[in-house]
PDB file of N, CA and C in Angstrom:
ATOM      1  N   MET A   1       1.946  12.203  -9.097  1.00  0.00           N
ATOM      2  CA  MET A   1       1.742  12.430  -7.790  1.00  0.00           C
ATOM      3  C   MET A   1       1.043  13.412  -6.464  1.00  0.00           C
ATOM      4  N   LEU A   2       1.203  14.350  -8.116  1.00  0.00           N
ATOM      5  CA  LEU A   2       0.054  16.084  -7.788  1.00  0.00           C
ATOM      6  C   LEU A   2      -1.291  15.034  -7.326  1.00  0.00           C
ATOM      7  N   ARG A   3      -2.225  13.917  -7.816  1.00  0.00           N
ATOM      8  CA  ARG A   3      -3.246  13.759  -7.525  1.00  0.00           C
ATOM      9  C   ARG A   3      -3.544  12.811  -6.461  1.00  0.00           C
ATOM     10  N   LYS A   4      -2.084  11.637  -6.263  1.00  0.00           N
ATOM     11  CA  LYS A   4      -2.883  10.720  -5.859  1.00  0.00           C
ATOM     12  C   LYS A   4      -1.753  11.193  -4.320  1.00  0.00           C
ATOM     13  N   PHE A   5      -0.900  12.116  -4.332  1.00  0.00           N
ATOM     14  CA  PHE A   5      -0.275  11.894  -2.609  1.00  0.00           C
ATOM     15  C   PHE A   5      -0.608  13.644  -2.873  1.00  0.00           C
ATOM     16  N   GLY A   6      -1.382  14.134  -3.475  1.00  0.00           N
ATOM     17  CA  GLY A   6      -2.007  15.376  -2.990  1.00  0.00           C
ATOM     18  C   GLY A   6      -0.511  16.708  -2.596  1.00  0.00           C
ATOM     19  N   PHE A   7       0.309  16.365  -3.293  1.00  0.00           N
ATOM     20  CA  PHE A   7       1.956  17.577  -3.155  1.00  0.00           C
ATOM     21  C   PHE A   7       1.387  18.267  -4.148  1.00  0.00           C
ATOM     22  N   SER A   8       1.829  19.546  -3.809  1.00  0.00           N
ATOM     23  CA  SER A   8       2.087  20.945  -4.777  1.00  0.00           C
ATOM     24  C   SER A   8       2.453  20.362  -5.746  1.00  0.00           C
ATOM     25  N   LEU A   9       2.410  21.452  -6.878  1.00  0.00           N
ATOM     26  CA  LEU A   9       3.567  21.124  -7.503  1.00  0.00           C
ATOM     27  C   LEU A   9       4.887  21.915  -7.544  1.00  0.00           C
ATOM     28  N   ARG A  10       5.158  22.676  -7.057  1.00  0.00           N
ATOM     29  CA  ARG A  10       6.834  22.832  -6.231  1.00  0.00           C
ATOM     30  C   ARG A  10       7.133  21.582  -5.507  1.00  0.00           C
ATOM     31  N   HIS A  11       6.384  20.813  -4.363  1.00  0.00           N
ATOM     32  CA  HIS A  11       6.767  20.251  -3.843  1.00  0.00           C
ATOM     33  C   HIS A  11       7.191  18.498  -4.632  1.00  0.00           C
ATOM     34  N   ALA A  12       6.512  18.238  -5.355  1.00  0.00           N
ATOM     35  CA  ALA A  12       6.615  17.251  -6.415  1.00  0.00           C
ATOM     36  C   ALA A  12       7.931  17.575  -7.338  1.00  0.00           C
ATOM     37  N   ARG A  13       8.072  18.583  -7.804  1.00  0.00           N
ATOM     38  CA  ARG A  13       9.515  19.232  -8.264  1.00  0.00           C
ATOM     39  C   ARG A  13      10.439  18.855  -7.428  1.00  0.00           C
ATOM     40  N   LEU A  14      10.581  18.822  -6.045  1.00  0.00           N
ATOM     41  CA  LEU A  14      11.317  19.021  -5.014  1.00  0.00           C
ATOM     42  C   LEU A  14      11.571  17.293  -4.687  1.00  0.00           C
ATOM     43  N   LEU A  15      11.082  17.204  -4.644  1.00  0.00           N
ATOM     44  CA  LEU A  15      10.961  16.191  -4.121  1.00  0.00           C
ATOM     45  C   LEU A  15      11.124  14.774  -5.772  1.00  0.00           C
ATOM     46  N   THR A  16      11.370  15.073  -6.599  1.00  0.00           N
ATOM     47  CA  THR A  16      11.797  14.391  -8.421  1.00  0.00           C
ATOM     48  C   THR A  16      12.764  14.881  -8.299  1.00  0.00           C
ATOM     49  N   HIS A  17      13.473  16.227  -8.225  1.00  0.00           N
ATOM     50  CA  HIS A  17      14.956  16.644  -8.640  1.00  0.00           C
ATOM     51  C   HIS A  17      15.531  15.858  -6.685  1.00  0.00           C
ATOM     52  N   PHE A  18      15.396  15.572  -6.022  1.00  0.00           N
ATOM     53  CA  PHE A  18      15.827  14.928  -5.308  1.00  0.00           C
ATOM     54  C   PHE A  18      16.214  13.355  -4.811  1.00  0.00           C
ATOM     55  N   VAL A  19      14.997  13.108  -5.181  1.00  0.00           N
ATOM     56  CA  VAL A  19      15.362  11.461  -6.031  1.00  0.00           C
ATOM     57  C   VAL A  19      15.855  11.368  -6.844  1.00  0.00           C
ATOM     58  N   ARG A  20      15.650  12.508  -7.815  1.00  0.00           N
ATOM     59  CA  ARG A  20      16.793  11.865  -9.158  1.00  0.00           C
ATOM     60  C   ARG A  20      18.247  12.042  -8.630  1.00  0.00           C
ATOM     61  N   ARG A  21      18.900  12.619  -7.629  1.00  0.00           N
ATOM     62  CA  ARG A  21      20.200  13.103  -7.078  1.00  0.00           C
ATOM     63  C   ARG A  21      20.338  11.674  -5.971  1.00  0.00           C
ATOM     64  N   GLN A  22      19.784  10.994  -6.116  1.00  0.00           N
ATOM     65  CA  GLN A  22      20.338  10.041  -4.718  1.00  0.00           C
ATOM     66  C   GLN A  22      19.800   9.217  -5.201  1.00  0.00           C
ATOM     67  N   THR A  23      19.531   8.584  -6.770  1.00  0.00           N
ATOM     68  CA  THR A  23      19.292   6.879  -7.127  1.00  0.00           C
ATOM     69  C   THR A  23      20.083   7.066  -8.440  1.00  0.00           C
ATOM     70  N   ALA A  24      20.869   5.762  -8.558  1.00  0.00           N
ATOM     71  CA  ALA A  24      21.006   5.448 -10.142  1.00  0.00           C
ATOM     72  C   ALA A  24      20.742   4.690 -11.011  1.00  0.00           C
ATOM     73  N   PRO A  25      20.655   4.391 -11.996  1.00  0.00           N
ATOM     74  CA  PRO A  25      20.298   3.520 -12.919  1.00  0.00           C
ATOM     75  C   PRO A  25      19.872   1.832 -12.523  1.00  0.00           C
ATOM     76  N   VAL A  26      19.340   0.735 -12.591  1.00  0.00           N
ATOM     77  CA  VAL A  26      20.423  -0.444 -12.240  1.00  0.00           C
ATOM     78  C   VAL A  26      20.134  -1.497 -13.414  1.00  0.00           C
ATOM     79  N   ASP A  27      21.381  -2.065 -13.789  1.00  0.00           N
ATOM     80  CA  ASP A  27      20.800  -2.942 -15.081  1.00  0.00           C
ATOM     81  C   ASP A  27      19.985  -4.312 -14.628  1.00  0.00           C
ATOM     82  N   ILE A  28      19.046  -4.683 -15.481  1.00  0.00           N
ATOM     83  CA  ILE A  28      18.273  -4.954 -14.971  1.00  0.00           C
ATOM     84  C   ILE A  28      18.519  -6.679 -16.000  1.00  0.00           C
ATOM     85  N   THR A  29      19.020  -7.612 -15.516  1.00  0.00           N
ATOM     86  CA  THR A  29      19.490  -8.439 -16.939  1.00  0.00           C
ATOM     87  C   THR A  29      18.254  -9.734 -16.990  1.00  0.00           C
ATOM     88  N   GLY A  30      17.242  -9.878 -16.502  1.00  0.00           N
ATOM     89  CA  GLY A  30      16.453 -10.571 -16.567  1.00  0.00           C
ATOM     90  C   GLY A  30      15.521 -10.036 -15.620  1.00  0.00           C
ATOM     91  N   LEU A  31      14.010 -10.515 -15.820  1.00  0.00           N
ATOM     92  CA  LEU A  31      12.865 -10.437 -14.625  1.00  0.00           C
ATOM     93  C   LEU A  31      12.901 -11.685 -14.433  1.00  0.00           C
ATOM     94  N   PRO A  32      12.653 -11.535 -12.791  1.00  0.00           N
ATOM     95  CA  PRO A  32      11.399 -13.290 -12.406  1.00  0.00           C
ATOM     96  C   PRO A  32      11.182 -13.384 -12.621  1.00  0.00           C
ATOM     97  N   PRO A  33      10.507 -14.929 -12.502  1.00  0.00           N
ATOM     98  CA  PRO A  33       9.508 -15.357 -13.500  1.00  0.00           C
ATOM     99  C   PRO A  33       8.164 -14.523 -12.277  1.00  0.00           C
ATOM    100  N   ARG A  34       7.109 -14.347 -12.613  1.00  0.00           N
ATOM    101  CA  ARG A  34       6.371 -13.738 -11.986  1.00  0.00           C
ATOM    102  C   ARG A  34       5.901 -13.923 -10.589  1.00  0.00           C
ATOM    103  N   ALA A  35       6.485 -13.063  -9.575  1.00  0.00           N
ATOM    104  CA  ALA A  35       6.689 -12.962  -8.146  1.00  0.00           C
ATOM    105  C   ALA A  35       5.636 -12.567  -7.448  1.00  0.00           C
ATOM    106  N   CYS A  36       4.443 -11.266  -7.914  1.00  0.00           N
ATOM    107  CA  CYS A  36       4.117 -10.592  -7.884  1.00  0.00           C
ATOM    108  C   CYS A  36       2.679 -10.240  -7.989  1.00  0.00           C
ATOM    109  N   ARG A  37       1.803  -9.874  -7.013  1.00  0.00           N
ATOM    110  CA  ARG A  37       0.884  -9.790  -7.418  1.00  0.00           C
ATOM    111  C   ARG A  37       0.128  -8.854  -8.792  1.00  0.00           C
ATOM    112  N   ASP A  38       0.446  -8.016  -8.474  1.00  0.00           N
ATOM    113  CA  ASP A  38       0.867  -6.533  -9.362  1.00  0.00           C
ATOM    114  C   ASP A  38       1.636  -7.234  -9.980  1.00  0.00           C
ATOM    115  N   ALA A  39       1.704  -6.951 -11.426  1.00  0.00           N
ATOM    116  CA  ALA A  39       2.805  -7.518 -12.050  1.00  0.00           C
ATOM    117  C   ALA A  39       4.513  -6.146 -12.114  1.00  0.00           C
ATOM    118  N   ASP A  40       3.625  -4.984 -12.191  1.00  0.00           N
ATOM    119  CA  ASP A  40       4.700  -3.824 -12.251  1.00  0.00           C
ATOM    120  C   ASP A  40       5.706  -4.284 -11.095  1.00  0.00           C
ATOM    121  N   ASP A  41       5.280  -4.640 -10.208  1.00  0.00           N
ATOM    122  CA  ASP A  41       5.833  -4.990  -8.851  1.00  0.00           C
ATOM    123  C   ASP A  41       7.313  -5.399  -9.183  1.00  0.00           C
ATOM    124  N   ASP A  42       6.886  -6.608  -9.619  1.00  0.00           N
ATOM    125  CA  ASP A  42       8.630  -7.610 -10.539  1.00  0.00           C
ATOM    126  C   ASP A  42       9.026  -6.812 -11.200  1.00  0.00           C
ATOM    127  N   LEU A  43       9.605  -5.064 -11.240  1.00  0.00           N
ATOM    128  CA  LEU A  43      10.057  -4.643 -12.011  1.00  0.00           C
ATOM    129  C   LEU A  43      11.589  -4.135 -10.533  1.00  0.00           C
ATOM    130  N   ILE A  44      10.291  -3.995  -9.602  1.00  0.00           N
ATOM    131  CA  ILE A  44      10.881  -3.642  -7.991  1.00  0.00           C
ATOM    132  C   ILE A  44      11.910  -4.621  -7.463  1.00  0.00           C
ATOM    133  N   LEU A  45      10.885  -5.743  -7.664  1.00  0.00           N
ATOM    134  CA  LEU A  45      12.028  -7.026  -7.065  1.00  0.00           C
ATOM    135  C   LEU A  45      13.188  -7.145  -7.937  1.00  0.00           C
ATOM    136  N   ALA A  46      13.533  -7.117  -9.456  1.00  0.00           N
ATOM    137  CA  ALA A  46      14.343  -7.275  -9.843  1.00  0.00           C
ATOM    138  C   ALA A  46      15.614  -6.751  -9.529  1.00  0.00           C
ATOM    139  N   ALA A  47      14.979  -5.467  -9.900  1.00  0.00           N
ATOM    140  CA  ALA A  47      16.141  -4.373  -9.566  1.00  0.00           C
ATOM    141  C   ALA A  47      16.853  -4.412  -7.676  1.00  0.00           C
ATOM    142  N   ALA A  48      15.940  -4.877  -6.868  1.00  0.00           N
ATOM    143  CA  ALA A  48      16.154  -4.846  -5.521  1.00  0.00           C
ATOM    144  C   ALA A  48      17.031  -6.433  -5.061  1.00  0.00           C
ATOM    145  N   VAL A  49      16.667  -7.056  -5.899  1.00  0.00           N
ATOM    146  CA  VAL A  49      17.287  -8.481  -5.920  1.00  0.00           C
ATOM    147  C   VAL A  49      19.229  -7.717  -6.940  1.00  0.00           C
ATOM    148  N   ALA A  50      18.904  -7.645  -8.164  1.00  0.00           N
ATOM    149  CA  ALA A  50      20.370  -7.232  -8.839  1.00  0.00           C
ATOM    150  C   ALA A  50      20.982  -6.718  -8.347  1.00  0.00           C
ATOM    151  N   VAL A  51      20.477  -5.316  -6.841  1.00  0.00           N
ATOM    152  CA  VAL A  51      21.694  -4.210  -6.065  1.00  0.00           C
ATOM    153  C   VAL A  51      21.855  -5.003  -4.543  1.00  0.00           C
ATOM    154  N   ARG A  52      21.550  -5.953  -4.766  1.00  0.00           N
ATOM    155  CA  ARG A  52      21.584  -7.408  -3.020  1.00  0.00           C
ATOM    156  C   ARG A  52      20.707  -6.295  -2.329  1.00  0.00           C
ATOM    157  N   TRP A  53      19.923  -5.480  -2.353  1.00  0.00           N
ATOM    158  CA  TRP A  53      19.413  -5.144  -1.007  1.00  0.00           C
ATOM    159  C   TRP A  53      19.044  -5.996   0.378  1.00  0.00           C
ATOM    160  N   GLU A  54      19.294  -6.397   1.179  1.00  0.00           N
ATOM    161  CA  GLU A  54      18.442  -6.775   2.386  1.00  0.00           C
ATOM    162  C   GLU A  54      16.952  -6.481   2.804  1.00  0.00           C
ATOM    163  N   TYR A  55      16.815  -4.862   2.780  1.00  0.00           N
ATOM    164  CA  TYR A  55      15.684  -4.260   2.772  1.00  0.00           C
ATOM    165  C   TYR A  55      14.652  -3.398   1.504  1.00  0.00           C
ATOM    166  N   LEU A  56      13.698  -4.285   1.562  1.00  0.00           N
ATOM    167  CA  LEU A  56      12.553  -3.361   0.800  1.00  0.00           C
ATOM    168  C   LEU A  56      11.581  -2.736   1.188  1.00  0.00           C
ATOM    169  N   VAL A  57      12.011  -1.564   1.594  1.00  0.00           N
ATOM    170  CA  VAL A  57      10.741  -1.320   2.405  1.00  0.00           C
ATOM    171  C   VAL A  57       9.407  -0.290   2.051  1.00  0.00           C
ATOM    172  N   THR A  58       8.549  -0.545   2.119  1.00  0.00           N
ATOM    173  CA  THR A  58       7.504  -0.398   1.372  1.00  0.00           C
ATOM    174  C   THR A  58       6.108   0.084   2.311  1.00  0.00           C
ATOM    175  N   GLY A  59       5.089   0.330   1.306  1.00  0.00           N
ATOM    176  CA  GLY A  59       3.514   0.522   1.805  1.00  0.00           C
ATOM    177  C   GLY A  59       2.762  -0.268   0.807  1.00  0.00           C
ATOM    178  N   ASP A  60       3.448  -0.817   0.087  1.00  0.00           N
ATOM    179  CA  ASP A  60       2.404  -1.609  -1.251  1.00  0.00           C
ATOM    180  C   ASP A  60       2.366  -2.707  -0.574  1.00  0.00           C
ATOM    181  N   ASN A  61       0.321  -3.175  -0.307  1.00  0.00           N
ATOM    182  CA  ASN A  61       0.587  -4.721   0.069  1.00  0.00           C
ATOM    183  C   ASN A  61       0.533  -5.801  -0.952  1.00  0.00           C
ATOM    184  N   ASP A  62       0.673  -4.983  -1.779  1.00  0.00           N
ATOM    185  CA  ASP A  62       1.185  -6.481  -3.099  1.00  0.00           C
ATOM    186  C   ASP A  62       2.453  -7.059  -2.739  1.00  0.00           C
ATOM    187  N   LEU A  63       3.564  -5.919  -2.865  1.00  0.00           N
ATOM    188  CA  LEU A  63       4.676  -6.291  -2.396  1.00  0.00           C
ATOM    189  C   LEU A  63       5.254  -6.591  -0.750  1.00  0.00           C
ATOM    190  N   ILE A  64       4.697  -6.110  -0.050  1.00  0.00           N
ATOM    191  CA  ILE A  64       4.206  -6.772   1.792  1.00  0.00           C
ATOM    192  C   ILE A  64       4.137  -8.375   1.989  1.00  0.00           C
ATOM    193  N   ALA A  65       2.750  -8.309   1.065  1.00  0.00           N
ATOM    194  CA  ALA A  65       2.347  -9.930   0.861  1.00  0.00           C
ATOM    195  C   ALA A  65       3.148 -10.731   0.960  1.00  0.00           C
ATOM    196  N   LEU A  66       4.246 -10.497   0.116  1.00  0.00           N
ATOM    197  CA  LEU A  66       5.623 -11.268   0.083  1.00  0.00           C
ATOM    198  C   LEU A  66       6.533 -12.016   0.881  1.00  0.00           C
ATOM    199  N   LYS A  67       6.724 -11.260   2.209  1.00  0.00           N
ATOM    200  CA  LYS A  67       7.195 -11.201   2.953  1.00  0.00           C
ATOM    201  C   LYS A  67       8.836 -11.586   2.588  1.00  0.00           C
ATOM    202  N   GLN A  68       8.958 -12.218   1.818  1.00  0.00           N
ATOM    203  CA  GLN A  68      10.467 -12.696   1.140  1.00  0.00           C
ATOM    204  C   GLN A  68      11.004 -12.758  -0.065  1.00  0.00           C
ATOM    205  N   PHE A  69      11.164 -12.153  -0.682  1.00  0.00           N
ATOM    206  CA  PHE A  69      11.770 -12.183  -2.304  1.00  0.00           C
ATOM    207  C   PHE A  69      13.655 -12.752  -2.299  1.00  0.00           C
ATOM    208  N   ASN A  70      14.114 -13.928  -2.338  1.00  0.00           N
ATOM    209  CA  ASN A  70      15.161 -14.251  -2.406  1.00  0.00           C
ATOM    210  C   ASN A  70      15.904 -14.345  -1.375  1.00  0.00           C
ATOM    211  N   ASN A  71      16.731 -13.158  -1.447  1.00  0.00           N
ATOM    212  CA  ASN A  71      17.206 -12.761   0.249  1.00  0.00           C
ATOM    213  C   ASN A  71      17.365 -11.513   0.913  1.00  0.00           C
ATOM    214  N   LEU A  72      15.794 -11.439   0.275  1.00  0.00           N
ATOM    215  CA  LEU A  72      15.533  -9.639   0.121  1.00  0.00           C
ATOM    216  C   LEU A  72      14.237 -10.316   1.233  1.00  0.00           C
ATOM    217  N   ALA A  73      14.015  -8.971   2.396  1.00  0.00           N
ATOM    218  CA  ALA A  73      13.769  -9.055   3.431  1.00  0.00           C
ATOM    219  C   ALA A  73      12.196  -8.061   2.323  1.00  0.00           C
ATOM    220  N   ILE A  74      11.362  -7.972   3.253  1.00  0.00           N
ATOM    221  CA  ILE A  74       9.983  -7.157   1.884  1.00  0.00           C
ATOM    222  C   ILE A  74       9.542  -7.086   3.611  1.00  0.00           C
ATOM    223  N   VAL A  75       9.392  -4.954   3.786  1.00  0.00           N
ATOM    224  CA  VAL A  75       8.899  -5.023   5.005  1.00  0.00           C
ATOM    225  C   VAL A  75       8.312  -3.876   4.679  1.00  0.00           C
ATOM    226  N   THR A  76       7.396  -2.568   6.457  1.00  0.00           N
ATOM    227  CA  THR A  76       6.875  -1.994   5.888  1.00  0.00           C
ATOM    228  C   THR A  76       7.466  -0.910   6.770  1.00  0.00           C
ATOM    229  N   PRO A  77       7.433   0.236   6.885  1.00  0.00           N
ATOM    230  CA  PRO A  77       8.519   1.143   6.976  1.00  0.00           C
ATOM    231  C   PRO A  77       8.173   1.450   8.850  1.00  0.00           C
ATOM    232  N   ALA A  78       7.329   0.981   9.462  1.00  0.00           N
ATOM    233  CA  ALA A  78       6.715   0.279  10.818  1.00  0.00           C
ATOM    234  C   ALA A  78       8.025  -0.719  11.242  1.00  0.00           C
ATOM    235  N   GLU A  79       8.142  -2.142  10.570  1.00  0.00           N
ATOM    236  CA  GLU A  79       8.932  -3.205  10.823  1.00  0.00           C
ATOM    237  C   GLU A  79      10.372  -3.032  10.294  1.00  0.00           C
ATOM    238  N   PHE A  80      10.557  -2.129   9.475  1.00  0.00           N
ATOM    239  CA  PHE A  80      11.926  -1.185   8.970  1.00  0.00           C
ATOM    240  C   PHE A  80      12.346  -0.797  10.213  1.00  0.00           C
ATOM    241  N   ALA A  81      12.008  -0.164  10.940  1.00  0.00           N
ATOM    242  CA  ALA A  81      12.576   0.577  12.234  1.00  0.00           C
ATOM    243  C   ALA A  81      12.576   0.131  13.464  1.00  0.00           C
ATOM    244  N   ARG A  82      11.559  -1.330  13.569  1.00  0.00           N
ATOM    245  CA  ARG A  82      11.855  -2.223  14.100  1.00  0.00           C
ATOM    246  C   ARG A  82      12.962  -2.857  14.560  1.00  0.00           C
ATOM    247  N   ARG A  83      13.319  -3.792  13.257  1.00  0.00           N
ATOM    248  CA  ARG A  83      14.414  -4.123  13.594  1.00  0.00           C
ATOM    249  C   ARG A  83      15.961  -3.608  13.524  1.00  0.00           C
ATOM    250  N   ILE A  84      15.536  -1.986  13.059  1.00  0.00           N
ATOM    251  CA  ILE A  84      16.762  -1.809  12.935  1.00  0.00           C
ATOM    252  C   ILE A  84      17.079  -0.423  14.678  1.00  0.00           C
ATOM    253  N   ALA A  85      16.396  -1.320  15.463  1.00  0.00           N
ATOM    254  CA  ALA A  85      16.703   0.059  16.168  1.00  0.00           C
ATOM    255  C   ALA A  85      17.460  -1.099  17.131  1.00  0.00           C
TER     256      ALA A  85
END
């Protein structure tokens, strides 16, 4: 986070603390067949499906390219804001 997003150490620690308080582990019983151009993103898809999300809001171009996965809509933050407005 420090290099990629230019966060200070303090801000990185605050963000890490916030994320840990707001999230919970997800049991993934099995990975879907390779669905995304970036294989690491398949874990994100598997977690989203496991908890039955309606939307995956992301800036990741590999995920956005899918647009839909099972019943999961994959959208940018701007698109999500338009849909819920």
